[in-house]
């Protein structure tokens, strides 16, 4: 199996913090600053202990598929903290993720994230990537924007 066919699947126990709610305002040296909330920091530590560290890291464009199981129906589905936590463990940067399949689940007794990361077999869509002059709808008939 070649390196571009390897699929990595793993489960991380615990409920992720929503990125939109994962910052708190504090004062550092008499200046306001936003830092990660205690829940987000605790989740990141927990994630780091459970996430496999790949060597080498996955390269190129990637697809991430995950189901996030929450303990209650209240949280919104938010995978962004999970994608951030996989940086430097699964891939170098979460900008490599060009395709996401994310599902919300409910498990009162076992909140967790079931995650699969795989190479993206075909490159992402790039608008105008193969257009001939004058055929790109973003340009006028003379090829100017």
C-alpha atoms as a PDB file:
ATOM      1  CA  UNK A   1       0.000   0.000   0.000  1.00  0.00           C
ATOM      2  CA  UNK A   2       1.487   3.344  -1.000  1.00  0.00           C
ATOM      3  CA  UNK A   3       1.724   6.282   1.396  1.00  0.00           C
ATOM      4  CA  UNK A   4      -1.093   8.121  -0.412  1.00  0.00           C
ATOM      5  CA  UNK A   5      -3.534   5.256   0.292  1.00  0.00           C
ATOM      6  CA  UNK A   6      -3.016   5.057   4.079  1.00  0.00           C
ATOM      7  CA  UNK A   7      -6.112   5.799   6.160  1.00  0.00           C
ATOM      8  CA  UNK A   8      -5.834   6.648   9.850  1.00  0.00           C
ATOM      9  CA  UNK A   9      -8.812   6.038  12.148  1.00  0.00           C
ATOM     10  CA  UNK A  10      -8.951   6.639  15.884  1.00  0.00           C
ATOM     11  CA  UNK A  11     -11.320   7.587  18.705  1.00  0.00           C
ATOM     12  CA  UNK A  12     -10.831  10.363  21.238  1.00  0.00           C
ATOM     13  CA  UNK A  13     -12.899  10.150  24.418  1.00  0.00           C
ATOM     14  CA  UNK A  14     -14.446  13.299  25.835  1.00  0.00           C
ATOM     15  CA  UNK A  15     -16.618  16.141  24.602  1.00  0.00           C
ATOM     16  CA  UNK A  16     -14.889  18.895  22.603  1.00  0.00           C
ATOM     17  CA  UNK A  17     -15.318  22.546  23.468  1.00  0.00           C
ATOM     18  CA  UNK A  18     -16.965  24.663  20.800  1.00  0.00           C
ATOM     19  CA  UNK A  19     -14.383  26.968  19.251  1.00  0.00           C
ATOM     20  CA  UNK A  20     -16.834  29.864  19.310  1.00  0.00           C
ATOM     21  CA  UNK A  21     -17.214  29.402  23.082  1.00  0.00           C
ATOM     22  CA  UNK A  22     -13.652  28.330  23.790  1.00  0.00           C
ATOM     23  CA  UNK A  23     -12.127  31.753  24.448  1.00  0.00           C
ATOM     24  CA  UNK A  24     -12.287  33.921  27.509  1.00  0.00           C
ATOM     25  CA  UNK A  25     -11.333  37.531  28.027  1.00  0.00           C
ATOM     26  CA  UNK A  26      -8.558  38.162  30.552  1.00  0.00           C
ATOM     27  CA  UNK A  27      -6.233  41.043  31.372  1.00  0.00           C
ATOM     28  CA  UNK A  28      -2.517  40.514  30.827  1.00  0.00           C
ATOM     29  CA  UNK A  29      -0.207  43.435  31.737  1.00  0.00           C
ATOM     30  CA  UNK A  30      -3.220  45.733  31.930  1.00  0.00           C
ATOM     31  CA  UNK A  31      -4.297  44.814  28.382  1.00  0.00           C
ATOM     32  CA  UNK A  32      -7.295  42.718  27.403  1.00  0.00           C
ATOM     33  CA  UNK A  33      -6.498  39.385  25.715  1.00  0.00           C
ATOM     34  CA  UNK A  34      -8.467  36.359  24.606  1.00  0.00           C
ATOM     35  CA  UNK A  35      -7.168  32.990  25.758  1.00  0.00           C
ATOM     36  CA  UNK A  36      -8.558  29.482  25.494  1.00  0.00           C
ATOM     37  CA  UNK A  37     -11.143  28.551  28.100  1.00  0.00           C
ATOM     38  CA  UNK A  38     -10.366  25.943  30.743  1.00  0.00           C
ATOM     39  CA  UNK A  39     -12.662  23.474  28.955  1.00  0.00           C
ATOM     40  CA  UNK A  40     -10.824  24.009  25.644  1.00  0.00           C
ATOM     41  CA  UNK A  41      -7.393  23.687  27.304  1.00  0.00           C
ATOM     42  CA  UNK A  42      -8.453  20.516  29.146  1.00  0.00           C
ATOM     43  CA  UNK A  43      -9.850  19.021  25.939  1.00  0.00           C
ATOM     44  CA  UNK A  44      -6.647  19.826  24.022  1.00  0.00           C
ATOM     45  CA  UNK A  45      -4.553  18.054  26.715  1.00  0.00           C
ATOM     46  CA  UNK A  46      -6.921  15.085  26.713  1.00  0.00           C
ATOM     47  CA  UNK A  47      -6.857  14.934  22.903  1.00  0.00           C
ATOM     48  CA  UNK A  48      -3.038  15.054  22.801  1.00  0.00           C
ATOM     49  CA  UNK A  49      -2.843  12.029  25.120  1.00  0.00           C
ATOM     50  CA  UNK A  50      -5.206   9.970  22.953  1.00  0.00           C
ATOM     51  CA  UNK A  51      -4.358  11.044  19.406  1.00  0.00           C
ATOM     52  CA  UNK A  52      -1.708   8.974  17.630  1.00  0.00           C
ATOM     53  CA  UNK A  53       1.399  10.905  16.592  1.00  0.00           C
ATOM     54  CA  UNK A  54       2.255   9.984  13.014  1.00  0.00           C
ATOM     55  CA  UNK A  55       5.813   9.934  11.770  1.00  0.00           C
ATOM     56  CA  UNK A  56       5.898  11.084   9.080  1.00  0.00           C
ATOM     57  CA  UNK A  57       2.895  13.369   9.208  1.00  0.00           C
ATOM     58  CA  UNK A  58       0.303  13.021   6.449  1.00  0.00           C
ATOM     59  CA  UNK A  59       1.083  15.272   3.488  1.00  0.00           C
ATOM     60  CA  UNK A  60      -0.939  16.837   0.693  1.00  0.00           C
ATOM     61  CA  UNK A  61      -4.661  17.449   0.585  1.00  0.00           C
ATOM     62  CA  UNK A  62      -6.708  15.460   3.096  1.00  0.00           C
ATOM     63  CA  UNK A  63     -10.264  14.434   3.856  1.00  0.00           C
ATOM     64  CA  UNK A  64     -11.445  14.168   7.453  1.00  0.00           C
ATOM     65  CA  UNK A  65     -14.545  12.195   8.372  1.00  0.00           C
ATOM     66  CA  UNK A  66     -15.776  12.282  11.943  1.00  0.00           C
ATOM     67  CA  UNK A  67     -18.732  11.735  14.186  1.00  0.00           C
ATOM     68  CA  UNK A  68     -18.731  13.828  17.339  1.00  0.00           C
ATOM     69  CA  UNK A  69     -20.854  12.258  20.086  1.00  0.00           C
ATOM     70  CA  UNK A  70     -22.012  14.765  22.705  1.00  0.00           C
ATOM     71  CA  UNK A  71     -23.363  13.985  26.198  1.00  0.00           C
ATOM     72  CA  UNK A  72     -26.412  16.251  25.691  1.00  0.00           C
ATOM     73  CA  UNK A  73     -28.431  17.636  22.791  1.00  0.00           C
ATOM     74  CA  UNK A  74     -27.356  21.200  23.602  1.00  0.00           C
ATOM     75  CA  UNK A  75     -23.956  21.655  21.879  1.00  0.00           C
ATOM     76  CA  UNK A  76     -23.762  22.756  18.272  1.00  0.00           C
ATOM     77  CA  UNK A  77     -21.659  20.613  15.972  1.00  0.00           C
ATOM     78  CA  UNK A  78     -18.187  22.177  15.864  1.00  0.00           C
ATOM     79  CA  UNK A  79     -15.182  20.257  14.553  1.00  0.00           C
ATOM     80  CA  UNK A  80     -12.735  23.166  14.471  1.00  0.00           C
ATOM     81  CA  UNK A  81     -11.088  22.448  17.845  1.00  0.00           C
ATOM     82  CA  UNK A  82     -10.569  18.827  16.777  1.00  0.00           C
ATOM     83  CA  UNK A  83      -8.959  19.906  13.499  1.00  0.00           C
ATOM     84  CA  UNK A  84      -6.661  22.266  15.431  1.00  0.00           C
ATOM     85  CA  UNK A  85      -5.708  19.502  17.872  1.00  0.00           C
ATOM     86  CA  UNK A  86      -4.628  17.194  15.024  1.00  0.00           C
ATOM     87  CA  UNK A  87      -2.012  19.716  13.838  1.00  0.00           C
ATOM     88  CA  UNK A  88       1.546  18.386  14.267  1.00  0.00           C
ATOM     89  CA  UNK A  89       0.135  14.971  15.283  1.00  0.00           C
ATOM     90  CA  UNK A  90      -1.658  13.779  12.123  1.00  0.00           C
ATOM     91  CA  UNK A  91      -0.813  16.549   9.632  1.00  0.00           C
ATOM     92  CA  UNK A  92       1.305  19.695   9.677  1.00  0.00           C
ATOM     93  CA  UNK A  93      -1.507  22.210   9.258  1.00  0.00           C
ATOM     94  CA  UNK A  94      -5.305  21.982   9.221  1.00  0.00           C
ATOM     95  CA  UNK A  95      -5.281  23.950   5.942  1.00  0.00           C
ATOM     96  CA  UNK A  96      -4.439  20.598   4.309  1.00  0.00           C
ATOM     97  CA  UNK A  97      -8.016  19.480   5.040  1.00  0.00           C
ATOM     98  CA  UNK A  98      -9.963  20.193   1.856  1.00  0.00           C
ATOM     99  CA  UNK A  99     -12.903  17.861   2.447  1.00  0.00           C
ATOM    100  CA  UNK A 100     -14.872  17.321   5.679  1.00  0.00           C
ATOM    101  CA  UNK A 101     -17.663  14.930   6.519  1.00  0.00           C
ATOM    102  CA  UNK A 102     -18.842  15.808  10.022  1.00  0.00           C
ATOM    103  CA  UNK A 103     -21.749  14.222  11.893  1.00  0.00           C
ATOM    104  CA  UNK A 104     -23.382  15.055  15.229  1.00  0.00           C
ATOM    105  CA  UNK A 105     -24.172  12.182  17.576  1.00  0.00           C
ATOM    106  CA  UNK A 106     -25.602  11.695  21.067  1.00  0.00           C
ATOM    107  CA  UNK A 107     -24.051   9.388  23.667  1.00  0.00           C
ATOM    108  CA  UNK A 108     -24.890  10.422  27.208  1.00  0.00           C
ATOM    109  CA  UNK A 109     -22.635   7.793  28.743  1.00  0.00           C
ATOM    110  CA  UNK A 110     -19.693   7.974  26.303  1.00  0.00           C
ATOM    111  CA  UNK A 111     -19.078  11.346  24.607  1.00  0.00           C
ATOM    112  CA  UNK A 112     -16.305  10.936  22.032  1.00  0.00           C
ATOM    113  CA  UNK A 113     -15.081  11.738  18.544  1.00  0.00           C
ATOM    114  CA  UNK A 114     -14.586   8.965  16.001  1.00  0.00           C
ATOM    115  CA  UNK A 115     -12.155  10.306  13.403  1.00  0.00           C
ATOM    116  CA  UNK A 116     -10.837   9.061  10.050  1.00  0.00           C
ATOM    117  CA  UNK A 117      -8.230  10.959   8.033  1.00  0.00           C
ATOM    118  CA  UNK A 118      -7.384   9.940   4.483  1.00  0.00           C
ATOM    119  CA  UNK A 119      -5.560  11.414   1.513  1.00  0.00           C
ATOM    120  CA  UNK A 120      -7.835  13.204  -0.917  1.00  0.00           C
ATOM    121  CA  UNK A 121      -7.738  11.144  -4.106  1.00  0.00           C
ATOM    122  CA  UNK A 122      -8.518  14.002  -6.454  1.00  0.00           C
ATOM    123  CA  UNK A 123      -7.541  17.623  -5.986  1.00  0.00           C
ATOM    124  CA  UNK A 124     -10.087  20.073  -4.593  1.00  0.00           C
ATOM    125  CA  UNK A 125     -12.216  22.141  -6.934  1.00  0.00           C
ATOM    126  CA  UNK A 126     -10.460  25.281  -8.055  1.00  0.00           C
ATOM    127  CA  UNK A 127     -12.724  27.754  -9.787  1.00  0.00           C
ATOM    128  CA  UNK A 128     -11.281  28.746 -13.119  1.00  0.00           C
ATOM    129  CA  UNK A 129      -8.380  26.287 -12.849  1.00  0.00           C
ATOM    130  CA  UNK A 130      -8.750  24.925 -16.387  1.00  0.00           C
ATOM    131  CA  UNK A 131     -10.664  27.682 -18.080  1.00  0.00           C
ATOM    132  CA  UNK A 132      -9.489  29.033 -21.384  1.00  0.00           C
ATOM    133  CA  UNK A 133      -9.249  32.768 -21.880  1.00  0.00           C
ATOM    134  CA  UNK A 134     -12.670  34.309 -22.032  1.00  0.00           C
ATOM    135  CA  UNK A 135     -14.489  31.290 -20.552  1.00  0.00           C
ATOM    136  CA  UNK A 136     -13.982  32.089 -16.872  1.00  0.00           C
ATOM    137  CA  UNK A 137     -17.260  33.660 -15.638  1.00  0.00           C
ATOM    138  CA  UNK A 138     -15.262  35.779 -13.163  1.00  0.00           C
ATOM    139  CA  UNK A 139     -13.558  37.572 -16.080  1.00  0.00           C
ATOM    140  CA  UNK A 140     -14.959  39.610 -18.901  1.00  0.00           C
ATOM    141  CA  UNK A 141     -14.615  38.569 -22.573  1.00  0.00           C
ATOM    142  CA  UNK A 142     -11.138  40.128 -22.839  1.00  0.00           C
ATOM    143  CA  UNK A 143      -9.786  38.007 -19.982  1.00  0.00           C
ATOM    144  CA  UNK A 144      -9.631  40.904 -17.536  1.00  0.00           C
ATOM    145  CA  UNK A 145     -11.121  40.937 -14.084  1.00  0.00           C
END
